[in-house]
């Protein structure tokens, strides 16, 4: 247990999908409005990946979740940003 919830920005979705979830089925994305999250959010590069990822240090309050979107891999196991959240980029 890390003590926080791992998150990513819309722009980081393809990277995270390919690095950590390649080919995995039945994934969903919670589209979170960071401005409505009541727990502290820290942007950190904890794995030395050269990117800052948002981490939520506490529970996600449900009113901060704007949308729930299926995150399905392509036939080759790679991921693309779902059309439902393209506007978040």
PDB file of N, CA and C in Angstrom:
ATOM      1  N   UNK A   1       0.834  -1.176   0.000  1.00  0.00           N
ATOM      2  CA  UNK A   1       0.000   0.000   0.000  1.00  0.00           C
ATOM      3  C   UNK A   1       0.882   1.243   0.000  1.00  0.00           C
ATOM      4  N   UNK A   2       0.587   2.157  -0.914  1.00  0.00           N
ATOM      5  CA  UNK A   2       1.430   3.334  -1.086  1.00  0.00           C
ATOM      6  C   UNK A   2       1.015   4.521  -0.227  1.00  0.00           C
ATOM      7  N   UNK A   3      -0.221   4.556   0.252  1.00  0.00           N
ATOM      8  CA  UNK A   3      -0.672   5.692   1.039  1.00  0.00           C
ATOM      9  C   UNK A   3      -1.275   6.805   0.205  1.00  0.00           C
ATOM     10  N   UNK A   4      -1.431   6.557  -1.084  1.00  0.00           N
ATOM     11  CA  UNK A   4      -2.053   7.535  -1.978  1.00  0.00           C
ATOM     12  C   UNK A   4      -2.665   6.805  -3.157  1.00  0.00           C
ATOM     13  N   UNK A   5      -3.484   7.522  -3.918  1.00  0.00           N
ATOM     14  CA  UNK A   5      -4.099   6.969  -5.119  1.00  0.00           C
ATOM     15  C   UNK A   5      -3.310   7.455  -6.323  1.00  0.00           C
ATOM     16  N   UNK A   6      -2.791   6.524  -7.115  1.00  0.00           N
ATOM     17  CA  UNK A   6      -2.060   6.868  -8.330  1.00  0.00           C
ATOM     18  C   UNK A   6      -3.035   7.420  -9.363  1.00  0.00           C
ATOM     19  N   UNK A   7      -2.718   8.528  -9.973  1.00  0.00           N
ATOM     20  CA  UNK A   7      -3.539   9.115 -11.027  1.00  0.00           C
ATOM     21  C   UNK A   7      -2.629   9.537 -12.177  1.00  0.00           C
ATOM     22  N   UNK A   8      -3.244   9.975 -13.261  1.00  0.00           N
ATOM     23  CA  UNK A   8      -2.481  10.563 -14.363  1.00  0.00           C
ATOM     24  C   UNK A   8      -3.361  11.604 -15.033  1.00  0.00           C
ATOM     25  N   UNK A   9      -2.733  12.445 -15.811  1.00  0.00           N
ATOM     26  CA  UNK A   9      -3.479  13.425 -16.582  1.00  0.00           C
ATOM     27  C   UNK A   9      -3.959  12.756 -17.867  1.00  0.00           C
ATOM     28  N   UNK A  10      -4.884  13.399 -18.561  1.00  0.00           N
ATOM     29  CA  UNK A  10      -5.370  12.858 -19.838  1.00  0.00           C
ATOM     30  C   UNK A  10      -4.208  12.679 -20.811  1.00  0.00           C
ATOM     31  N   UNK A  11      -3.270  13.600 -20.806  1.00  0.00           N
ATOM     32  CA  UNK A  11      -2.123  13.522 -21.716  1.00  0.00           C
ATOM     33  C   UNK A  11      -1.195  12.351 -21.386  1.00  0.00           C
ATOM     34  N   UNK A  12      -1.246  11.821 -20.176  1.00  0.00           N
ATOM     35  CA  UNK A  12      -0.394  10.714 -19.760  1.00  0.00           C
ATOM     36  C   UNK A  12      -1.061   9.346 -19.913  1.00  0.00           C
ATOM     37  N   UNK A  13      -2.318   9.314 -20.319  1.00  0.00           N
ATOM     38  CA  UNK A  13      -3.072   8.058 -20.375  1.00  0.00           C
ATOM     39  C   UNK A  13      -2.444   6.981 -21.242  1.00  0.00           C
ATOM     40  N   UNK A  14      -2.049   7.322 -22.453  1.00  0.00           N
ATOM     41  CA  UNK A  14      -1.473   6.309 -23.343  1.00  0.00           C
ATOM     42  C   UNK A  14      -0.192   5.739 -22.749  1.00  0.00           C
ATOM     43  N   UNK A  15       0.657   6.596 -22.196  1.00  0.00           N
ATOM     44  CA  UNK A  15       1.900   6.136 -21.579  1.00  0.00           C
ATOM     45  C   UNK A  15       1.606   5.167 -20.427  1.00  0.00           C
ATOM     46  N   UNK A  16       0.706   5.567 -19.535  1.00  0.00           N
ATOM     47  CA  UNK A  16       0.377   4.726 -18.375  1.00  0.00           C
ATOM     48  C   UNK A  16      -0.265   3.418 -18.833  1.00  0.00           C
ATOM     49  N   UNK A  17      -1.180   3.498 -19.782  1.00  0.00           N
ATOM     50  CA  UNK A  17      -1.819   2.287 -20.287  1.00  0.00           C
ATOM     51  C   UNK A  17      -0.815   1.300 -20.843  1.00  0.00           C
ATOM     52  N   UNK A  18       0.100   1.800 -21.649  1.00  0.00           N
ATOM     53  CA  UNK A  18       1.084   0.905 -22.282  1.00  0.00           C
ATOM     54  C   UNK A  18       2.115   0.389 -21.286  1.00  0.00           C
ATOM     55  N   UNK A  19       2.531   1.227 -20.364  1.00  0.00           N
ATOM     56  CA  UNK A  19       3.583   0.813 -19.427  1.00  0.00           C
ATOM     57  C   UNK A  19       3.064  -0.147 -18.354  1.00  0.00           C
ATOM     58  N   UNK A  20       1.887   0.115 -17.841  1.00  0.00           N
ATOM     59  CA  UNK A  20       1.407  -0.641 -16.693  1.00  0.00           C
ATOM     60  C   UNK A  20       0.243  -1.599 -16.975  1.00  0.00           C
ATOM     61  N   UNK A  21      -0.486  -1.386 -18.073  1.00  0.00           N
ATOM     62  CA  UNK A  21      -1.707  -2.165 -18.286  1.00  0.00           C
ATOM     63  C   UNK A  21      -1.820  -2.769 -19.680  1.00  0.00           C
ATOM     64  N   UNK A  22      -0.758  -2.836 -20.427  1.00  0.00           N
ATOM     65  CA  UNK A  22      -0.795  -3.301 -21.817  1.00  0.00           C
ATOM     66  C   UNK A  22      -1.603  -4.597 -21.957  1.00  0.00           C
ATOM     67  N   UNK A  23      -2.618  -4.536 -22.823  1.00  0.00           N
ATOM     68  CA  UNK A  23      -3.440  -5.691 -23.123  1.00  0.00           C
ATOM     69  C   UNK A  23      -4.508  -6.032 -22.099  1.00  0.00           C
ATOM     70  N   UNK A  24      -4.506  -5.342 -20.980  1.00  0.00           N
ATOM     71  CA  UNK A  24      -5.463  -5.657 -19.924  1.00  0.00           C
ATOM     72  C   UNK A  24      -6.870  -5.217 -20.335  1.00  0.00           C
ATOM     73  N   UNK A  25      -7.834  -6.060 -20.054  1.00  0.00           N
ATOM     74  CA  UNK A  25      -9.234  -5.799 -20.390  1.00  0.00           C
ATOM     75  C   UNK A  25      -9.975  -5.260 -19.165  1.00  0.00           C
ATOM     76  N   UNK A  26     -11.180  -4.760 -19.411  1.00  0.00           N
ATOM     77  CA  UNK A  26     -12.111  -4.359 -18.350  1.00  0.00           C
ATOM     78  C   UNK A  26     -11.597  -3.236 -17.453  1.00  0.00           C
ATOM     79  N   UNK A  27     -10.806  -2.338 -18.000  1.00  0.00           N
ATOM     80  CA  UNK A  27     -10.349  -1.178 -17.232  1.00  0.00           C
ATOM     81  C   UNK A  27     -11.351  -0.039 -17.388  1.00  0.00           C
ATOM     82  N   UNK A  28     -11.460   0.780 -16.367  1.00  0.00           N
ATOM     83  CA  UNK A  28     -12.262   1.996 -16.472  1.00  0.00           C
ATOM     84  C   UNK A  28     -11.429   3.176 -15.996  1.00  0.00           C
ATOM     85  N   UNK A  29     -11.777   4.336 -16.487  1.00  0.00           N
ATOM     86  CA  UNK A  29     -11.129   5.577 -16.083  1.00  0.00           C
ATOM     87  C   UNK A  29     -12.125   6.399 -15.283  1.00  0.00           C
ATOM     88  N   UNK A  30     -11.686   6.933 -14.166  1.00  0.00           N
ATOM     89  CA  UNK A  30     -12.469   7.918 -13.447  1.00  0.00           C
ATOM     90  C   UNK A  30     -11.939   9.281 -13.869  1.00  0.00           C
ATOM     91  N   UNK A  31     -12.780  10.074 -14.469  1.00  0.00           N
ATOM     92  CA  UNK A  31     -12.396  11.426 -14.887  1.00  0.00           C
ATOM     93  C   UNK A  31     -12.666  12.349 -13.710  1.00  0.00           C
ATOM     94  N   UNK A  32     -11.600  12.829 -13.116  1.00  0.00           N
ATOM     95  CA  UNK A  32     -11.675  13.559 -11.849  1.00  0.00           C
ATOM     96  C   UNK A  32     -11.396  15.042 -12.078  1.00  0.00           C
ATOM     97  N   UNK A  33     -12.224  15.884 -11.478  1.00  0.00           N
ATOM     98  CA  UNK A  33     -12.000  17.326 -11.482  1.00  0.00           C
ATOM     99  C   UNK A  33     -11.105  17.634 -10.290  1.00  0.00           C
ATOM    100  N   UNK A  34      -9.828  17.886 -10.559  1.00  0.00           N
ATOM    101  CA  UNK A  34      -8.852  18.102  -9.487  1.00  0.00           C
ATOM    102  C   UNK A  34      -9.252  19.261  -8.576  1.00  0.00           C
ATOM    103  N   UNK A  35      -9.936  20.237  -9.126  1.00  0.00           N
ATOM    104  CA  UNK A  35     -10.363  21.381  -8.329  1.00  0.00           C
ATOM    105  C   UNK A  35     -11.437  21.059  -7.307  1.00  0.00           C
ATOM    106  N   UNK A  36     -12.073  19.925  -7.456  1.00  0.00           N
ATOM    107  CA  UNK A  36     -13.133  19.521  -6.523  1.00  0.00           C
ATOM    108  C   UNK A  36     -12.683  18.452  -5.532  1.00  0.00           C
ATOM    109  N   UNK A  37     -11.493  17.897  -5.726  1.00  0.00           N
ATOM    110  CA  UNK A  37     -10.982  16.871  -4.817  1.00  0.00           C
ATOM    111  C   UNK A  37     -10.668  17.518  -3.473  1.00  0.00           C
ATOM    112  N   UNK A  38     -11.194  16.938  -2.397  1.00  0.00           N
ATOM    113  CA  UNK A  38     -10.984  17.522  -1.081  1.00  0.00           C
ATOM    114  C   UNK A  38      -9.675  17.058  -0.418  1.00  0.00           C
ATOM    115  N   UNK A  39      -9.147  15.923  -0.836  1.00  0.00           N
ATOM    116  CA  UNK A  39      -7.875  15.421  -0.297  1.00  0.00           C
ATOM    117  C   UNK A  39      -6.716  16.143  -0.989  1.00  0.00           C
ATOM    118  N   UNK A  40      -5.565  16.189  -0.353  1.00  0.00           N
ATOM    119  CA  UNK A  40      -4.401  16.814  -0.990  1.00  0.00           C
ATOM    120  C   UNK A  40      -3.968  16.064  -2.255  1.00  0.00           C
ATOM    121  N   UNK A  41      -3.593  16.812  -3.283  1.00  0.00           N
ATOM    122  CA  UNK A  41      -3.041  16.250  -4.520  1.00  0.00           C
ATOM    123  C   UNK A  41      -1.615  16.756  -4.647  1.00  0.00           C
ATOM    124  N   UNK A  42      -0.680  15.837  -4.849  1.00  0.00           N
ATOM    125  CA  UNK A  42       0.724  16.195  -5.066  1.00  0.00           C
ATOM    126  C   UNK A  42       1.141  15.664  -6.426  1.00  0.00           C
ATOM    127  N   UNK A  43       1.853  16.474  -7.191  1.00  0.00           N
ATOM    128  CA  UNK A  43       2.394  16.064  -8.486  1.00  0.00           C
ATOM    129  C   UNK A  43       3.838  15.653  -8.257  1.00  0.00           C
ATOM    130  N   UNK A  44       4.105  14.360  -8.483  1.00  0.00           N
ATOM    131  CA  UNK A  44       5.403  13.798  -8.121  1.00  0.00           C
ATOM    132  C   UNK A  44       5.907  12.842  -9.191  1.00  0.00           C
ATOM    133  N   UNK A  45       7.224  12.728  -9.272  1.00  0.00           N
ATOM    134  CA  UNK A  45       7.864  11.743 -10.145  1.00  0.00           C
ATOM    135  C   UNK A  45       8.526  10.707  -9.236  1.00  0.00           C
ATOM    136  N   UNK A  46       7.723   9.800  -8.724  1.00  0.00           N
ATOM    137  CA  UNK A  46       8.208   8.847  -7.732  1.00  0.00           C
ATOM    138  C   UNK A  46       8.987   7.684  -8.333  1.00  0.00           C
ATOM    139  N   UNK A  47       8.801   7.417  -9.631  1.00  0.00           N
ATOM    140  CA  UNK A  47       9.483   6.292 -10.274  1.00  0.00           C
ATOM    141  C   UNK A  47      10.608   6.725 -11.199  1.00  0.00           C
ATOM    142  N   UNK A  48      10.969   7.996 -11.178  1.00  0.00           N
ATOM    143  CA  UNK A  48      12.053   8.482 -12.032  1.00  0.00           C
ATOM    144  C   UNK A  48      11.725   8.411 -13.509  1.00  0.00           C
ATOM    145  N   UNK A  49      10.461   8.621 -13.874  1.00  0.00           N
ATOM    146  CA  UNK A  49      10.033   8.524 -15.269  1.00  0.00           C
ATOM    147  C   UNK A  49      10.151   9.846 -16.027  1.00  0.00           C
ATOM    148  N   UNK A  50      10.543  10.896 -15.332  1.00  0.00           N
ATOM    149  CA  UNK A  50      10.689  12.190 -15.986  1.00  0.00           C
ATOM    150  C   UNK A  50       9.370  12.918 -16.188  1.00  0.00           C
ATOM    151  N   UNK A  51       8.321  12.460 -15.510  1.00  0.00           N
ATOM    152  CA  UNK A  51       7.009  13.108 -15.590  1.00  0.00           C
ATOM    153  C   UNK A  51       6.439  13.243 -14.185  1.00  0.00           C
ATOM    154  N   UNK A  52       5.696  14.309 -13.984  1.00  0.00           N
ATOM    155  CA  UNK A  52       5.010  14.490 -12.719  1.00  0.00           C
ATOM    156  C   UNK A  52       3.607  13.905 -12.831  1.00  0.00           C
ATOM    157  N   UNK A  53       3.295  12.975 -11.947  1.00  0.00           N
ATOM    158  CA  UNK A  53       1.990  12.335 -11.917  1.00  0.00           C
ATOM    159  C   UNK A  53       1.225  12.819 -10.693  1.00  0.00           C
ATOM    160  N   UNK A  54      -0.087  13.057 -10.846  1.00  0.00           N
ATOM    161  CA  UNK A  54      -0.874  13.440  -9.678  1.00  0.00           C
ATOM    162  C   UNK A  54      -1.140  12.244  -8.778  1.00  0.00           C
ATOM    163  N   UNK A  55      -0.959  12.454  -7.489  1.00  0.00           N
ATOM    164  CA  UNK A  55      -1.255  11.441  -6.484  1.00  0.00           C
ATOM    165  C   UNK A  55      -2.207  12.072  -5.477  1.00  0.00           C
ATOM    166  N   UNK A  56      -3.303  11.376  -5.186  1.00  0.00           N
ATOM    167  CA  UNK A  56      -4.290  11.881  -4.246  1.00  0.00           C
ATOM    168  C   UNK A  56      -4.032  11.215  -2.898  1.00  0.00           C
ATOM    169  N   UNK A  57      -3.745  12.034  -1.900  1.00  0.00           N
ATOM    170  CA  UNK A  57      -3.422  11.546  -0.563  1.00  0.00           C
ATOM    171  C   UNK A  57      -4.672  11.560   0.317  1.00  0.00           C
ATOM    172  N   UNK A  58      -5.560  10.627   0.027  1.00  0.00           N
ATOM    173  CA  UNK A  58      -6.804  10.494   0.766  1.00  0.00           C
ATOM    174  C   UNK A  58      -7.864   9.935  -0.158  1.00  0.00           C
ATOM    175  N   UNK A  59      -9.087   9.823   0.324  1.00  0.00           N
ATOM    176  CA  UNK A  59     -10.162   9.284  -0.520  1.00  0.00           C
ATOM    177  C   UNK A  59     -10.572  10.287  -1.599  1.00  0.00           C
ATOM    178  N   UNK A  60     -11.122   9.754  -2.693  1.00  0.00           N
ATOM    179  CA  UNK A  60     -11.682  10.609  -3.745  1.00  0.00           C
ATOM    180  C   UNK A  60     -13.150  10.836  -3.403  1.00  0.00           C
ATOM    181  N   UNK A  61     -13.514  12.074  -3.180  1.00  0.00           N
ATOM    182  CA  UNK A  61     -14.923  12.383  -2.940  1.00  0.00           C
ATOM    183  C   UNK A  61     -15.688  12.218  -4.253  1.00  0.00           C
ATOM    184  N   UNK A  62     -16.823  11.572  -4.188  1.00  0.00           N
ATOM    185  CA  UNK A  62     -17.553  11.195  -5.409  1.00  0.00           C
ATOM    186  C   UNK A  62     -18.008  12.388  -6.234  1.00  0.00           C
ATOM    187  N   UNK A  63     -18.220  13.536  -5.619  1.00  0.00           N
ATOM    188  CA  UNK A  63     -18.649  14.696  -6.402  1.00  0.00           C
ATOM    189  C   UNK A  63     -17.517  15.283  -7.247  1.00  0.00           C
ATOM    190  N   UNK A  64     -16.289  14.769  -7.081  1.00  0.00           N
ATOM    191  CA  UNK A  64     -15.167  15.199  -7.918  1.00  0.00           C
ATOM    192  C   UNK A  64     -15.055  14.372  -9.199  1.00  0.00           C
ATOM    193  N   UNK A  65     -15.807  13.274  -9.291  1.00  0.00           N
ATOM    194  CA  UNK A  65     -15.765  12.399 -10.467  1.00  0.00           C
ATOM    195  C   UNK A  65     -16.778  12.912 -11.494  1.00  0.00           C
ATOM    196  N   UNK A  66     -16.272  13.377 -12.651  1.00  0.00           N
ATOM    197  CA  UNK A  66     -17.120  13.929 -13.711  1.00  0.00           C
ATOM    198  C   UNK A  66     -17.672  12.868 -14.650  1.00  0.00           C
ATOM    199  N   UNK A  67     -16.914  11.787 -14.843  1.00  0.00           N
ATOM    200  CA  UNK A  67     -17.288  10.795 -15.838  1.00  0.00           C
ATOM    201  C   UNK A  67     -16.568   9.489 -15.533  1.00  0.00           C
ATOM    202  N   UNK A  68     -17.145   8.400 -15.981  1.00  0.00           N
ATOM    203  CA  UNK A  68     -16.516   7.079 -15.903  1.00  0.00           C
ATOM    204  C   UNK A  68     -16.511   6.544 -17.323  1.00  0.00           C
ATOM    205  N   UNK A  69     -15.316   6.200 -17.819  1.00  0.00           N
ATOM    206  CA  UNK A  69     -15.135   5.840 -19.227  1.00  0.00           C
ATOM    207  C   UNK A  69     -14.407   4.504 -19.324  1.00  0.00           C
ATOM    208  N   UNK A  70     -14.876   3.631 -20.199  1.00  0.00           N
ATOM    209  CA  UNK A  70     -14.170   2.371 -20.455  1.00  0.00           C
ATOM    210  C   UNK A  70     -12.816   2.669 -21.103  1.00  0.00           C
ATOM    211  N   UNK A  71     -11.789   1.937 -20.682  1.00  0.00           N
ATOM    212  CA  UNK A  71     -10.433   2.104 -21.230  1.00  0.00           C
ATOM    213  C   UNK A  71     -10.033   0.761 -21.825  1.00  0.00           C
ATOM    214  N   UNK A  72     -10.390   0.574 -23.087  1.00  0.00           N
ATOM    215  CA  UNK A  72     -10.169  -0.706 -23.765  1.00  0.00           C
ATOM    216  C   UNK A  72      -8.894  -0.656 -24.608  1.00  0.00           C
ATOM    217  N   UNK A  73      -8.147  -1.746 -24.597  1.00  0.00           N
ATOM    218  CA  UNK A  73      -6.945  -1.781 -25.431  1.00  0.00           C
ATOM    219  C   UNK A  73      -7.304  -2.002 -26.905  1.00  0.00           C
ATOM    220  N   UNK A  74      -6.417  -1.581 -27.769  1.00  0.00           N
ATOM    221  CA  UNK A  74      -6.509  -1.898 -29.194  1.00  0.00           C
ATOM    222  C   UNK A  74      -6.224  -3.390 -29.367  1.00  0.00           C
ATOM    223  N   UNK A  75      -6.495  -3.957 -30.542  1.00  0.00           N
ATOM    224  CA  UNK A  75      -6.224  -5.392 -30.759  1.00  0.00           C
ATOM    225  C   UNK A  75      -4.774  -5.796 -30.457  1.00  0.00           C
ATOM    226  N   UNK A  76      -3.819  -4.878 -30.640  1.00  0.00           N
ATOM    227  CA  UNK A  76      -2.418  -5.209 -30.364  1.00  0.00           C
ATOM    228  C   UNK A  76      -2.018  -4.986 -28.902  1.00  0.00           C
ATOM    229  N   UNK A  77      -2.996  -4.621 -28.054  1.00  0.00           N
ATOM    230  CA  UNK A  77      -2.723  -4.436 -26.632  1.00  0.00           C
ATOM    231  C   UNK A  77      -2.371  -3.023 -26.232  1.00  0.00           C
ATOM    232  N   UNK A  78      -2.142  -2.143 -27.195  1.00  0.00           N
ATOM    233  CA  UNK A  78      -1.812  -0.752 -26.893  1.00  0.00           C
ATOM    234  C   UNK A  78      -3.087   0.016 -26.548  1.00  0.00           C
ATOM    235  N   UNK A  79      -2.917   1.215 -26.040  1.00  0.00           N
ATOM    236  CA  UNK A  79      -4.052   2.048 -25.661  1.00  0.00           C
ATOM    237  C   UNK A  79      -4.005   3.384 -26.395  1.00  0.00           C
ATOM    238  N   UNK A  80      -5.181   3.939 -26.601  1.00  0.00           N
ATOM    239  CA  UNK A  80      -5.342   5.293 -27.128  1.00  0.00           C
ATOM    240  C   UNK A  80      -6.298   6.025 -26.208  1.00  0.00           C
ATOM    241  N   UNK A  81      -6.174   7.320 -26.167  1.00  0.00           N
ATOM    242  CA  UNK A  81      -7.063   8.130 -25.333  1.00  0.00           C
ATOM    243  C   UNK A  81      -8.486   7.985 -25.850  1.00  0.00           C
ATOM    244  N   UNK A  82      -9.425   7.592 -25.010  1.00  0.00           N
ATOM    245  CA  UNK A  82     -10.811   7.441 -25.455  1.00  0.00           C
ATOM    246  C   UNK A  82     -11.391   8.765 -25.961  1.00  0.00           C
ATOM    247  N   UNK A  83     -12.197   8.680 -26.982  1.00  0.00           N
ATOM    248  CA  UNK A  83     -12.815   9.875 -27.580  1.00  0.00           C
ATOM    249  C   UNK A  83     -13.594  10.679 -26.560  1.00  0.00           C
ATOM    250  N   UNK A  84     -14.183  10.018 -25.570  1.00  0.00           N
ATOM    251  CA  UNK A  84     -14.985  10.709 -24.558  1.00  0.00           C
ATOM    252  C   UNK A  84     -14.186  11.711 -23.734  1.00  0.00           C
ATOM    253  N   UNK A  85     -12.851  11.560 -23.709  1.00  0.00           N
ATOM    254  CA  UNK A  85     -12.060  12.490 -22.897  1.00  0.00           C
ATOM    255  C   UNK A  85     -11.018  13.265 -23.688  1.00  0.00           C
ATOM    256  N   UNK A  86     -11.057  13.179 -24.995  1.00  0.00           N
ATOM    257  CA  UNK A  86     -10.123  13.931 -25.837  1.00  0.00           C
ATOM    258  C   UNK A  86     -10.158  15.423 -25.498  1.00  0.00           C
ATOM    259  N   UNK A  87     -11.327  15.950 -25.174  1.00  0.00           N
ATOM    260  CA  UNK A  87     -11.449  17.377 -24.889  1.00  0.00           C
ATOM    261  C   UNK A  87     -10.743  17.790 -23.606  1.00  0.00           C
ATOM    262  N   UNK A  88     -10.351  16.817 -22.767  1.00  0.00           N
ATOM    263  CA  UNK A  88      -9.639  17.132 -21.534  1.00  0.00           C
ATOM    264  C   UNK A  88      -8.156  17.422 -21.757  1.00  0.00           C
ATOM    265  N   UNK A  89      -7.685  17.237 -22.962  1.00  0.00           N
ATOM    266  CA  UNK A  89      -6.252  17.465 -23.242  1.00  0.00           C
ATOM    267  C   UNK A  89      -5.925  18.928 -23.329  1.00  0.00           C
TER     268      UNK A  89
END
